[in-house]
Amino acid sequence: MTMLMPLAFLLALVLTGAVVAFVVAFVAQMRFSVPGAKGADAGELRTYVHTFSRTLSTLGVSRSARRRHVDELKANLAESVAADGIRAALAGLGPAGALATGYADYRPRPAWIVGIAATVLTWLVTIFVHFQYANAYASGWIDGVGLTGGNVSGNGAHRNALAVSFEWIARSGTDVDVNVSSPWVWILPLAVFFIASRSWRVVTVRNAASVSV
């Protein structure tokens, strides 16, 4: 039974990740598609628009401004491709990343949503590792009691070199509860949130010239 819990937890984590990835891919396909584009051209244009939007996000352009710029770019691309073809349209605009850098004069913004998603995932993985620690400790206890043939009861606790604490309560030789705790359950998610969300942008100001599409 103790092994089924972490396996079920891992399965739920994998399924959740797969569903989230599918939804993100579907939304991205709808969001960055250029009206009227078909076949291979549609995929190439979608990649161009996605790169443009991702660069704007990296530079810290607000979500509302980013949507507005993306919509304008899609409209311009649809018109240019219909009139001159995809090659001429993309050549006229230049690389998507370079085009996006022209949109400035903003205050860089943290990526809060990315930070929250990364934090939740890190916390779930950390909890799963704690499950594994508890199972391994309990299995070692049971195996040790089985080898000695003893009938041990009582409780105790200890901490390893990684600051992971183990608390055990033994009612008999093979009936033992193990609780695992450590500061990593909170330290790792907080560190990941700070890095993934780019929280330092709160105190960073970027000024540059602003140009329109």
Protein backbone atom coordinates (compact mmCIF):
# COMPACT_ATOMS: atom_id res chain seq x y z
CA MET A 1 0.00 0.00 0.00
CA THR A 2 2.84 2.41 0.81
CA MET A 3 4.24 2.07 -2.72
CA LEU A 4 0.88 2.60 -4.39
CA MET A 5 0.50 6.13 -2.99
CA PRO A 6 3.61 7.65 -4.62
CA LEU A 7 2.96 5.75 -7.86
CA ALA A 8 -0.58 7.12 -8.01
CA PHE A 9 0.78 10.56 -7.18
CA LEU A 10 3.34 10.33 -9.99
CA LEU A 11 0.70 9.12 -12.45
CA ALA A 12 -1.58 12.03 -11.55
CA LEU A 13 1.36 14.42 -11.98
CA VAL A 14 2.19 13.04 -15.43
CA LEU A 15 -1.44 13.14 -16.56
CA THR A 16 -1.81 16.71 -15.31
CA GLY A 17 1.33 17.74 -17.17
CA ALA A 18 0.10 16.09 -20.37
CA VAL A 19 -3.28 17.85 -20.16
CA VAL A 20 -1.64 21.22 -19.50
CA ALA A 21 0.78 20.74 -22.40
CA PHE A 22 -2.09 19.86 -24.74
CA VAL A 23 -4.14 22.88 -23.70
CA VAL A 24 -1.16 25.22 -24.06
CA ALA A 25 -0.35 23.84 -27.53
CA PHE A 26 -3.98 24.16 -28.65
CA VAL A 27 -4.31 27.72 -27.36
CA ALA A 28 -0.99 28.69 -28.97
CA GLN A 29 -2.09 27.28 -32.32
CA MET A 30 -5.31 29.27 -32.19
CA ARG A 31 -3.72 32.43 -30.81
CA PHE A 32 -0.84 32.73 -33.27
CA SER A 33 -2.53 31.54 -36.47
CA VAL A 34 -2.64 34.08 -39.30
CA PRO A 35 -6.10 34.40 -40.92
CA GLY A 36 -6.32 32.85 -44.38
CA ALA A 37 -3.00 30.98 -44.17
CA LYS A 38 -3.03 27.29 -45.08
CA GLY A 39 -0.72 24.30 -45.19
CA ALA A 40 3.01 24.80 -44.65
CA ASP A 41 2.64 28.57 -44.89
CA ALA A 42 0.27 28.54 -41.93
CA GLY A 43 2.82 26.72 -39.77
CA GLU A 44 5.67 29.02 -40.76
CA LEU A 45 3.61 32.14 -40.12
CA ARG A 46 2.39 30.78 -36.79
CA THR A 47 6.01 30.17 -35.72
CA TYR A 48 6.94 33.71 -36.77
CA VAL A 49 4.10 35.27 -34.77
CA HIS A 50 4.85 33.03 -31.77
CA THR A 51 8.52 34.07 -31.79
CA PHE A 52 7.47 37.71 -32.01
CA SER A 53 5.13 37.33 -29.02
CA ARG A 54 7.64 35.34 -26.97
CA THR A 55 10.31 38.00 -27.53
CA LEU A 56 7.90 40.72 -26.42
CA SER A 57 7.19 38.70 -23.27
CA THR A 58 10.90 38.25 -22.58
CA LEU A 59 11.43 41.99 -22.96
CA GLY A 60 8.70 42.63 -20.41
CA VAL A 61 5.95 44.09 -22.63
CA SER A 62 2.60 43.94 -20.83
CA ARG A 63 0.08 41.26 -21.76
CA SER A 64 -2.47 43.74 -23.13
CA ALA A 65 0.13 45.54 -25.24
CA ARG A 66 1.50 42.20 -26.42
CA ARG A 67 -1.94 41.07 -27.58
CA ARG A 68 -2.44 44.33 -29.43
CA HIS A 69 0.91 44.08 -31.22
CA VAL A 70 0.32 40.42 -32.11
CA ASP A 71 -3.12 41.16 -33.54
CA GLU A 72 -1.70 44.01 -35.63
CA LEU A 73 1.12 41.80 -36.88
CA LYS A 74 -1.30 39.01 -37.84
CA ALA A 75 -3.47 41.47 -39.77
CA ASN A 76 -0.44 42.90 -41.58
CA LEU A 77 0.86 39.43 -42.41
CA ALA A 78 -2.50 38.28 -43.74
CA GLU A 79 -2.66 41.32 -46.04
CA SER A 80 0.97 41.07 -47.18
CA VAL A 81 0.87 37.32 -47.81
CA ALA A 82 -2.32 37.64 -49.85
CA ALA A 83 -0.78 40.41 -51.97
CA ASP A 84 2.89 39.40 -52.32
CA GLY A 85 3.29 35.86 -50.97
CA ILE A 86 4.86 34.60 -47.75
CA ARG A 87 8.50 35.02 -48.79
CA ALA A 88 8.14 38.69 -49.66
CA ALA A 89 6.00 39.35 -46.57
CA LEU A 90 8.53 37.87 -44.14
CA ALA A 91 11.50 39.43 -45.94
CA GLY A 92 9.88 42.83 -45.61
CA LEU A 93 9.44 42.46 -41.85
CA GLY A 94 12.78 40.84 -41.05
CA PRO A 95 13.45 38.38 -38.21
CA ALA A 96 10.63 38.15 -35.67
CA GLY A 97 12.93 38.70 -32.70
CA ALA A 98 14.48 41.81 -34.22
CA LEU A 99 11.03 43.17 -35.06
CA ALA A 100 9.88 42.67 -31.47
CA THR A 101 12.83 44.58 -29.98
CA GLY A 102 11.50 47.74 -31.57
CA TYR A 103 8.65 47.78 -29.06
CA ALA A 104 10.10 49.39 -25.97
CA ASP A 105 9.60 52.32 -23.59
CA TYR A 106 8.09 50.08 -20.98
CA ARG A 107 8.70 48.87 -17.48
CA PRO A 108 9.75 45.20 -17.53
CA ARG A 109 7.17 43.00 -15.85
CA PRO A 110 7.62 39.73 -13.96
CA ALA A 111 6.14 36.58 -15.52
CA TRP A 112 3.88 35.78 -12.57
CA ILE A 113 1.88 33.02 -14.29
CA VAL A 114 5.04 31.18 -15.36
CA GLY A 115 6.43 31.53 -11.85
CA ILE A 116 3.28 30.13 -10.23
CA ALA A 117 3.13 27.17 -12.64
CA ALA A 118 6.81 26.34 -12.07
CA THR A 119 6.37 26.67 -8.30
CA VAL A 120 3.40 24.30 -8.17
CA LEU A 121 5.24 21.73 -10.29
CA THR A 122 8.35 21.98 -8.10
CA TRP A 123 6.29 21.60 -4.93
CA LEU A 124 4.54 18.49 -6.30
CA VAL A 125 7.85 16.90 -7.27
CA THR A 126 9.29 17.72 -3.83
CA ILE A 127 6.31 16.09 -2.12
CA PHE A 128 6.75 13.02 -4.33
CA VAL A 129 10.41 12.77 -3.30
CA HIS A 130 9.32 12.95 0.35
CA PHE A 131 6.94 10.03 -0.29
CA GLN A 132 9.86 8.07 -1.69
CA TYR A 133 12.02 8.92 1.31
CA ALA A 134 9.29 7.71 3.69
CA ASN A 135 8.79 4.47 1.77
CA ALA A 136 12.50 3.73 1.67
CA TYR A 137 12.86 4.41 5.38
CA ALA A 138 9.86 2.24 6.29
CA SER A 139 11.07 -0.58 4.02
CA GLY A 140 14.53 -0.46 5.59
CA TRP A 141 13.01 -0.58 9.06
CA ILE A 142 10.80 -3.55 8.25
CA ASP A 143 13.65 -5.43 6.56
CA GLY A 144 15.94 -4.79 9.53
CA VAL A 145 13.37 -6.01 12.05
CA GLY A 146 12.72 -9.07 9.89
CA LEU A 147 16.39 -10.01 9.87
CA THR A 148 16.76 -9.72 13.62
CA GLY A 149 13.43 -11.38 14.35
CA GLY A 150 12.62 -8.69 16.89
CA ASN A 151 9.32 -7.10 17.79
CA VAL A 152 10.25 -3.44 18.19
CA SER A 153 7.92 -0.68 19.36
CA GLY A 154 8.44 2.94 20.28
CA ASN A 155 9.26 6.15 18.47
CA GLY A 156 12.22 8.28 17.49
CA ALA A 157 13.57 10.86 15.10
CA HIS A 158 16.75 11.86 13.33
CA ARG A 159 17.97 14.24 10.62
CA ASN A 160 20.32 13.44 7.76
CA ALA A 161 23.01 15.59 6.12
CA LEU A 162 20.48 17.15 3.71
CA ALA A 163 18.40 18.53 6.61
CA VAL A 164 15.67 15.95 5.97
CA SER A 165 14.01 14.88 9.24
CA PHE A 166 12.55 11.42 9.85
CA GLU A 167 10.07 10.71 12.62
CA TRP A 168 8.99 7.11 13.18
CA ILE A 169 6.39 5.44 15.36
CA ALA A 170 6.62 1.65 15.61
CA ARG A 171 3.72 -0.31 17.07
CA SER A 172 5.23 -3.71 16.28
CA GLY A 173 8.01 -5.11 14.15
CA THR A 174 6.31 -4.50 10.80
CA ASP A 175 3.79 -1.80 11.74
CA VAL A 176 5.62 1.51 11.47
CA ASP A 177 4.57 5.02 10.46
CA VAL A 178 7.20 7.35 9.02
CA ASN A 179 6.87 11.12 8.65
CA VAL A 180 9.37 13.02 6.54
CA SER A 181 9.86 16.78 6.68
CA SER A 182 12.45 19.22 5.40
CA PRO A 183 12.86 22.93 4.63
CA TRP A 184 13.31 22.02 0.94
CA VAL A 185 9.53 21.71 0.59
CA TRP A 186 9.42 25.51 0.80
CA ILE A 187 12.93 26.61 -0.13
CA LEU A 188 12.97 24.97 -3.58
CA PRO A 189 9.52 26.23 -4.71
CA LEU A 190 10.31 29.76 -3.52
CA ALA A 191 13.65 29.74 -5.34
CA VAL A 192 12.01 28.42 -8.51
CA PHE A 193 9.29 31.07 -8.27
CA PHE A 194 11.86 33.85 -7.98
CA ILE A 195 13.84 32.60 -10.98
CA ALA A 196 10.96 31.54 -13.25
CA SER A 197 8.88 34.67 -12.64
CA ARG A 198 11.86 37.01 -12.99
CA SER A 199 10.73 38.75 -9.82
CA TRP A 200 13.69 41.12 -9.90
CA ARG A 201 11.93 42.95 -12.75
CA VAL A 202 9.80 44.63 -10.09
CA VAL A 203 12.78 46.88 -9.34
CA THR A 204 14.19 47.04 -12.86
CA VAL A 205 13.25 49.81 -15.24
CA ARG A 206 13.95 49.72 -18.96
CA ASN A 207 13.64 52.78 -21.17
CA ALA A 208 14.01 52.75 -24.92
CA ALA A 209 12.41 54.18 -28.02
CA SER A 210 8.95 52.99 -28.96
CA VAL A 211 7.85 52.25 -32.50
CA SER A 212 4.56 50.97 -33.83
CA VAL A 213 3.84 48.05 -36.11
